[in-house]
């Protein structure tokens, strides 16, 4: 019946033949018998052929539409899943002048000597504008930074005997500028062929500079332990400042920041080993 309706809608013609061949016992059937003749609808060969082609065409369209509908539902479902995730807030890129203004508001330059202030600000502005780099100038040909927050460290020297006290002496003036104390005494070293234990006292508290077997990670471990002992002393004296790692090895650096200053740097500078990050992130990036 469905084929008949479709064919008729397409303009096909039909012929009917009277048929009485049904036996009497089928008198109750819907097809009828000689008393109730039924009509059998037949199609010519050409009509059947055309109808078959048309049905194949219709079925193809239905199949394509069903696939398209499924894909549309799938896409809609995927869109709903994607839309459930919160949009990442895009940080507006500040100009060099705006960077300096914000750093001033956050008291980043409060440890910089007044005579060095203009030079330090200009260098920070250029470093940001040209390289998206968070770093200021050094004094002449030395590796001493003029902002009194940045520090350079050779992690190989730091790891060796004499290196620890040398770098503690370089950081000591910054503690004094903050009104804090950093006294170091009683350095101890116990070493055999494969292991080394190296300790020192800061303000009467013993800290471990290195303790374990020698590996390829020795310099990085010494770098981390150095920063962490300094931060422990800052916390003990109720300072809001902490030292944050940048990189180690022979050209290591770290910087003193408040949590708000660190947050500002992370949001406005690229997150790489060339800019400060949290100790946890730095350890993960460097396999420690």
Protein backbone atom coordinates (compact mmCIF):
# COMPACT_ATOMS: atom_id res chain seq x y z
CA UNK A 1 0.00 0.00 0.00
CA UNK A 2 2.90 2.35 0.85
CA UNK A 3 4.51 1.72 -2.57
CA UNK A 4 1.18 2.36 -4.25
CA UNK A 5 0.79 5.75 -2.58
CA UNK A 6 4.34 6.78 -3.40
CA UNK A 7 4.02 5.66 -7.01
CA UNK A 8 0.73 7.43 -7.40
CA UNK A 9 2.22 10.64 -5.99
CA UNK A 10 4.96 10.38 -8.62
CA UNK A 11 2.41 10.20 -11.43
CA UNK A 12 2.46 6.46 -12.26
CA UNK A 13 -0.69 4.82 -13.74
CA UNK A 14 -2.14 1.40 -12.83
CA UNK A 15 -4.47 -1.18 -14.30
CA UNK A 16 -6.77 -3.56 -12.48
CA UNK A 17 -7.68 -7.16 -13.45
CA UNK A 18 -10.73 -9.00 -12.16
CA UNK A 19 -9.75 -12.36 -10.70
CA UNK A 20 -12.11 -15.11 -9.55
CA UNK A 21 -9.55 -17.82 -9.06
CA UNK A 22 -9.86 -17.89 -5.29
CA UNK A 23 -11.58 -21.01 -4.00
CA UNK A 24 -14.89 -20.80 -2.15
CA UNK A 25 -13.31 -21.78 1.12
CA UNK A 26 -11.68 -18.36 1.13
CA UNK A 27 -15.02 -16.59 1.01
CA UNK A 28 -14.31 -15.08 4.39
CA UNK A 29 -10.94 -13.74 3.27
CA UNK A 30 -10.48 -10.12 2.38
CA UNK A 31 -9.33 -11.14 -1.12
CA UNK A 32 -12.84 -12.48 -1.93
CA UNK A 33 -13.98 -15.37 -4.18
CA UNK A 34 -16.17 -15.81 -7.19
CA UNK A 35 -19.09 -14.48 -5.28
CA UNK A 36 -17.03 -11.60 -3.97
CA UNK A 37 -14.44 -10.99 -6.67
CA UNK A 38 -11.24 -9.18 -5.67
CA UNK A 39 -9.12 -6.97 -7.83
CA UNK A 40 -5.36 -7.49 -8.17
CA UNK A 41 -3.45 -4.35 -8.99
CA UNK A 42 -0.52 -4.96 -11.34
CA UNK A 43 2.09 -2.68 -12.83
CA UNK A 44 3.64 -2.81 -16.24
CA UNK A 45 7.36 -3.72 -16.48
CA UNK A 46 8.34 -0.12 -17.36
CA UNK A 47 6.37 1.25 -14.45
CA UNK A 48 7.97 -1.27 -12.06
CA UNK A 49 11.42 -0.38 -13.32
CA UNK A 50 10.84 3.37 -12.91
CA UNK A 51 9.23 2.86 -9.53
CA UNK A 52 12.18 0.81 -8.32
CA UNK A 53 14.63 3.51 -9.36
CA UNK A 54 12.49 6.17 -7.69
CA UNK A 55 12.29 4.18 -4.46
CA UNK A 56 16.06 3.73 -4.41
CA UNK A 57 16.42 7.49 -4.83
CA UNK A 58 13.94 8.21 -2.02
CA UNK A 59 15.59 5.70 0.32
CA UNK A 60 19.01 7.25 -0.41
CA UNK A 61 17.71 10.69 0.54
CA UNK A 62 16.16 9.30 3.75
CA UNK A 63 19.44 7.54 4.64
CA UNK A 64 21.53 10.70 4.07
CA UNK A 65 19.11 12.82 6.09
CA UNK A 66 19.19 10.34 8.97
CA UNK A 67 23.02 10.44 9.04
CA UNK A 68 23.03 14.23 8.94
CA UNK A 69 20.51 14.35 11.77
CA UNK A 70 22.65 12.04 13.93
CA UNK A 71 25.75 14.10 13.32
CA UNK A 72 23.86 17.27 14.17
CA UNK A 73 22.72 15.78 17.47
CA UNK A 74 26.26 14.63 18.16
CA UNK A 75 27.63 18.11 17.44
CA UNK A 76 25.01 19.67 19.66
CA UNK A 77 25.90 17.28 22.46
CA UNK A 78 29.59 18.09 22.04
CA UNK A 79 28.80 21.78 22.08
CA UNK A 80 26.93 21.38 25.33
CA UNK A 81 29.90 19.58 26.88
CA UNK A 82 32.34 22.26 25.72
CA UNK A 83 30.11 25.07 26.93
CA UNK A 84 30.04 23.62 30.44
CA UNK A 85 33.71 24.52 30.88
CA UNK A 86 34.30 28.04 32.22
CA UNK A 87 35.81 30.49 29.79
CA UNK A 88 39.45 31.32 30.43
CA UNK A 89 39.80 34.96 31.39
CA UNK A 90 41.90 36.77 28.85
CA UNK A 91 44.41 39.11 30.48
CA UNK A 92 44.59 42.49 28.81
CA UNK A 93 48.14 43.17 27.66
CA UNK A 94 49.49 46.19 29.50
CA UNK A 95 51.87 48.73 28.06
CA UNK A 96 55.36 49.15 29.46
CA UNK A 97 54.30 52.29 31.36
CA UNK A 98 51.33 50.47 32.87
CA UNK A 99 53.57 47.61 34.00
CA UNK A 100 55.85 50.02 35.87
CA UNK A 101 52.86 51.83 37.40
CA UNK A 102 51.40 48.55 38.67
CA UNK A 103 54.76 47.39 40.06
CA UNK A 104 55.02 50.69 41.91
CA UNK A 105 51.57 50.20 43.42
CA UNK A 106 52.70 46.75 44.59
CA UNK A 107 55.85 48.26 46.22
CA UNK A 108 58.20 46.25 44.06
CA UNK A 109 60.77 49.08 44.00
CA UNK A 110 60.73 49.73 47.77
CA UNK A 111 64.15 48.04 48.18
CA UNK A 112 65.77 49.91 45.28
CA UNK A 113 68.14 52.75 46.12
CA UNK A 114 66.62 56.13 45.26
CA UNK A 115 69.61 57.00 43.05
CA UNK A 116 69.03 53.82 41.01
CA UNK A 117 65.26 54.06 40.75
CA UNK A 118 64.91 55.71 37.31
CA UNK A 119 67.46 53.37 35.72
CA UNK A 120 65.77 50.31 37.21
CA UNK A 121 62.29 51.36 36.03
CA UNK A 122 63.43 52.08 32.47
CA UNK A 123 65.19 48.73 32.24
CA UNK A 124 62.15 46.85 33.58
CA UNK A 125 59.93 48.65 31.07
CA UNK A 126 62.22 47.79 28.14
CA UNK A 127 62.60 44.18 29.25
CA UNK A 128 58.81 43.80 29.28
CA UNK A 129 58.11 45.66 26.03
CA UNK A 130 60.90 44.04 23.99
CA UNK A 131 61.14 40.53 25.46
CA UNK A 132 58.19 40.02 27.84
CA UNK A 133 60.95 39.41 30.36
CA UNK A 134 60.72 40.16 34.10
CA UNK A 135 64.19 41.41 35.03
CA UNK A 136 66.03 44.64 35.79
CA UNK A 137 69.61 45.88 35.32
CA UNK A 138 72.83 44.84 37.08
CA UNK A 139 75.49 47.16 38.49
CA UNK A 140 78.07 47.67 35.77
CA UNK A 141 79.78 44.44 34.76
CA UNK A 142 78.86 42.70 38.01
CA UNK A 143 76.09 40.16 38.56
CA UNK A 144 74.54 42.22 41.36
CA UNK A 145 71.04 43.46 40.49
CA UNK A 146 70.14 47.07 41.19
CA UNK A 147 66.59 46.39 42.43
CA UNK A 148 67.92 44.43 45.46
CA UNK A 149 65.32 41.74 44.78
CA UNK A 150 66.90 39.74 41.97
CA UNK A 151 69.82 37.41 42.64
CA UNK A 152 72.14 35.49 40.37
CA UNK A 153 73.59 32.16 41.55
CA UNK A 154 75.94 29.57 40.06
CA UNK A 155 74.39 26.36 41.38
CA UNK A 156 77.65 24.47 40.93
CA UNK A 157 79.47 26.94 43.20
CA UNK A 158 76.56 26.94 45.64
CA UNK A 159 76.81 23.16 45.92
CA UNK A 160 80.53 23.15 46.65
CA UNK A 161 82.28 24.00 49.94
CA UNK A 162 82.41 27.77 50.45
CA UNK A 163 79.61 28.51 48.00
CA UNK A 164 76.80 28.44 50.54
CA UNK A 165 78.25 31.15 52.81
CA UNK A 166 79.22 33.25 49.78
CA UNK A 167 75.64 33.44 48.53
CA UNK A 168 74.19 33.91 52.02
CA UNK A 169 76.42 36.99 52.36
CA UNK A 170 74.97 38.38 49.11
CA UNK A 171 71.39 37.99 50.34
CA UNK A 172 72.08 39.36 53.82
CA UNK A 173 71.73 43.08 52.86
CA UNK A 174 68.20 42.48 51.59
CA UNK A 175 67.21 40.97 54.92
CA UNK A 176 68.61 44.06 56.60
CA UNK A 177 66.60 46.36 54.27
CA UNK A 178 63.48 44.47 55.35
CA UNK A 179 64.43 44.95 59.00
CA UNK A 180 65.13 41.24 59.39
CA UNK A 181 68.09 39.24 60.66
CA UNK A 182 70.19 36.72 58.74
CA UNK A 183 73.16 35.39 60.70
CA UNK A 184 74.87 32.21 59.53
CA UNK A 185 77.28 30.08 61.54
CA UNK A 186 78.41 26.55 62.32
CA UNK A 187 78.67 25.17 58.77
CA UNK A 188 79.29 21.41 58.83
CA UNK A 189 80.30 18.91 56.16
CA UNK A 190 80.35 15.10 56.37
CA UNK A 191 81.39 13.34 53.17
CA UNK A 192 82.46 9.91 51.96
CA UNK A 193 82.99 8.51 48.48
CA UNK A 194 79.29 8.40 47.50
CA UNK A 195 77.38 10.66 49.91
CA UNK A 196 77.55 14.10 51.49
CA UNK A 197 75.76 15.81 54.36
CA UNK A 198 76.11 19.59 54.39
CA UNK A 199 74.38 21.75 57.05
CA UNK A 200 74.50 25.31 58.36
CA UNK A 201 72.80 27.36 61.08
CA UNK A 202 70.74 30.44 60.20
CA UNK A 203 69.79 32.56 63.20
CA UNK A 204 70.52 29.57 65.47
CA UNK A 205 68.40 27.08 63.45
CA UNK A 206 70.17 24.25 61.60
CA UNK A 207 69.26 23.81 57.93
CA UNK A 208 70.30 21.15 55.44
CA UNK A 209 72.05 22.38 52.32
CA UNK A 210 72.52 18.86 50.93
CA UNK A 211 72.09 15.34 52.27
CA UNK A 212 72.30 12.24 50.10
CA UNK A 213 74.11 10.39 47.35
CA UNK A 214 75.75 12.20 44.48
CA UNK A 215 73.58 12.32 41.34
CA UNK A 216 73.03 14.49 38.28
CA UNK A 217 70.46 16.48 40.31
CA UNK A 218 72.91 17.70 42.97
CA UNK A 219 73.06 21.33 41.77
CA UNK A 220 69.28 21.59 41.51
CA UNK A 221 68.82 20.12 45.00
CA UNK A 222 71.33 22.58 46.47
CA UNK A 223 69.52 25.45 44.68
CA UNK A 224 66.12 24.40 46.07
CA UNK A 225 67.43 23.85 49.61
CA UNK A 226 69.11 27.27 49.59
CA UNK A 227 65.91 29.08 48.62
CA UNK A 228 63.81 27.07 51.05
CA UNK A 229 66.06 27.79 54.05
CA UNK A 230 65.89 31.52 53.25
CA UNK A 231 62.09 31.36 52.96
CA UNK A 232 61.85 29.49 56.26
CA UNK A 233 63.69 32.36 57.95
CA UNK A 234 61.45 34.94 56.29
CA UNK A 235 58.36 33.13 57.60
CA UNK A 236 59.86 32.80 61.09
CA UNK A 237 60.24 36.58 61.17
CA UNK A 238 56.67 37.12 59.89
CA UNK A 239 57.68 38.56 56.51
CA UNK A 240 55.22 38.59 53.63
CA UNK A 241 58.14 38.27 51.20
CA UNK A 242 59.41 34.98 49.76
CA UNK A 243 62.13 34.02 47.29
CA UNK A 244 60.85 32.39 44.08
CA UNK A 245 62.93 30.26 41.68
CA UNK A 246 63.59 31.13 38.04
CA UNK A 247 66.40 28.85 36.86
CA UNK A 248 69.40 27.03 38.27
CA UNK A 249 72.57 25.45 36.83
CA UNK A 250 75.51 27.79 36.14
CA UNK A 251 73.30 30.80 35.39
CA UNK A 252 70.67 30.42 38.09
CA UNK A 253 68.46 33.23 39.34
CA UNK A 254 65.79 33.80 41.97
CA UNK A 255 63.80 36.85 43.08
CA UNK A 256 62.15 38.20 46.23
CA UNK A 257 58.41 38.88 45.86
CA UNK A 258 55.20 39.21 47.85
CA UNK A 259 52.30 36.89 46.86
CA UNK A 260 50.56 39.80 45.09
CA UNK A 261 53.71 40.68 43.16
CA UNK A 262 54.14 37.05 42.08
CA UNK A 263 50.52 36.88 40.95
CA UNK A 264 50.99 40.05 38.90
CA UNK A 265 54.12 38.66 37.21
CA UNK A 266 52.46 35.32 36.39
CA UNK A 267 49.41 37.05 34.86
CA UNK A 268 51.39 39.52 32.76
CA UNK A 269 54.57 37.67 31.79
CA UNK A 270 54.97 34.38 29.96
CA UNK A 271 55.15 31.35 32.27
CA UNK A 272 58.56 29.91 31.45
CA UNK A 273 61.80 29.07 33.24
CA UNK A 274 62.96 32.61 32.45
CA UNK A 275 60.39 34.16 34.81
CA UNK A 276 59.60 33.43 38.48
CA UNK A 277 57.18 30.72 39.53
CA UNK A 278 56.21 28.81 42.65
CA UNK A 279 58.64 26.29 44.08
CA UNK A 280 56.20 23.45 43.48
CA UNK A 281 55.87 24.32 39.79
CA UNK A 282 59.62 24.75 39.41
CA UNK A 283 60.32 21.34 40.96
CA UNK A 284 57.83 19.66 38.63
CA UNK A 285 59.35 21.32 35.56
CA UNK A 286 62.87 20.28 36.60
CA UNK A 287 62.20 16.74 37.77
CA UNK A 288 62.74 17.34 41.50
